Amino acid sequence: MKSSQQSDDTPAPSSREMAVSLVKTMGDTTWRMFVPTIGLTILGLVIDDHQSTKPWMTIAGIIVGTIITVLLVRRQLAALQKK
């Protein structure tokens, strides 16, 4: 049975294709969430250590990393909704 979104010429994706697509999406979301947050937190720790500004740069790294994460995930969701 075909979905109402698919045309008569387009075959339904197989379970394997759907699983691969899901894994790709999960991997893409993972890097979008962890790289900015963890990276900027570590950068904040390093700056705090060298500049004796504990904990302010770490907190700033967490906040900025979280904001970037939210923006990247929103962009990803918008792209997925267009598909």
Protein backbone atom coordinates (compact mmCIF):
# COMPACT_ATOMS: atom_id res chain seq x y z
CA MET A 1 0.00 0.00 0.00
CA LYS A 2 1.46 3.33 -1.03
CA SER A 3 1.47 6.53 0.96
CA SER A 4 -0.65 9.41 -0.25
CA GLN A 5 2.53 11.53 -0.45
CA GLN A 6 4.20 9.24 -3.00
CA SER A 7 3.44 9.28 -6.68
CA ASP A 8 2.55 6.09 -8.53
CA ASP A 9 6.02 5.99 -10.13
CA THR A 10 8.00 6.25 -6.86
CA PRO A 11 8.57 2.99 -5.00
CA ALA A 12 8.21 3.01 -1.22
CA PRO A 13 11.55 3.14 0.60
CA SER A 14 12.72 -0.15 2.04
CA SER A 15 13.16 -0.75 5.76
CA ARG A 16 16.93 -0.69 5.29
CA GLU A 17 16.83 2.70 3.54
CA MET A 18 14.62 4.10 6.28
CA ALA A 19 16.98 2.75 8.97
CA VAL A 20 20.02 4.23 7.24
CA SER A 21 18.24 7.56 6.94
CA LEU A 22 17.34 7.49 10.63
CA VAL A 23 20.92 6.70 11.66
CA LYS A 24 22.22 9.55 9.46
CA THR A 25 19.73 11.97 11.00
CA MET A 26 20.67 10.85 14.52
CA GLY A 27 24.38 11.28 13.77
CA ASP A 28 23.78 14.70 12.26
CA THR A 29 21.76 15.78 15.29
CA THR A 30 24.37 14.43 17.69
CA TRP A 31 27.23 16.49 16.28
CA ARG A 32 24.99 19.56 16.13
CA MET A 33 24.25 19.17 19.83
CA PHE A 34 27.55 18.09 21.32
CA VAL A 35 30.29 19.77 19.32
CA PRO A 36 29.28 23.39 20.04
CA THR A 37 28.28 22.74 23.65
CA ILE A 38 31.23 20.57 24.66
CA GLY A 39 33.72 22.47 22.51
CA LEU A 40 32.82 25.89 23.87
CA THR A 41 32.63 24.57 27.43
CA ILE A 42 36.17 23.18 27.10
CA LEU A 43 37.32 26.44 25.53
CA GLY A 44 35.77 28.31 28.47
CA LEU A 45 37.62 26.05 30.93
CA VAL A 46 40.92 26.69 29.15
CA ILE A 47 40.38 30.45 29.09
CA ASP A 48 39.35 30.41 32.76
CA ASP A 49 42.51 28.48 33.63
CA HIS A 50 44.80 30.91 31.79
CA GLN A 51 43.03 34.16 32.68
CA SER A 52 41.92 33.29 36.24
CA THR A 53 38.32 34.16 35.43
CA LYS A 54 36.70 31.02 36.90
CA PRO A 55 33.83 30.24 36.31
CA TRP A 56 32.73 33.02 33.96
CA MET A 57 34.19 31.88 30.66
CA THR A 58 33.01 28.33 31.30
CA ILE A 59 29.49 29.60 31.93
CA ALA A 60 29.71 31.79 28.83
CA GLY A 61 30.89 28.78 26.79
CA ILE A 62 27.96 26.70 28.00
CA ILE A 63 25.45 29.46 27.20
CA VAL A 64 26.87 30.29 23.77
CA GLY A 65 27.27 26.59 22.92
CA THR A 66 23.66 25.94 23.88
CA ILE A 67 22.42 28.85 21.76
CA ILE A 68 24.40 27.60 18.76
CA THR A 69 23.05 24.09 19.35
CA VAL A 70 19.47 25.34 19.36
CA LEU A 71 20.01 27.26 16.13
CA LEU A 72 21.67 24.31 14.38
CA VAL A 73 18.97 21.84 15.42
CA ARG A 74 16.21 24.26 14.38
CA ARG A 75 17.88 24.57 10.96
CA GLN A 76 18.05 20.78 10.70
CA LEU A 77 14.37 20.39 11.64
CA ALA A 78 13.37 23.00 9.06
CA ALA A 79 15.31 21.11 6.38
CA LEU A 80 13.68 17.82 7.37
CA GLN A 81 10.22 19.37 7.23
CA LYS A 82 10.87 20.55 3.67
CA LYS A 83 11.59 16.98 2.55
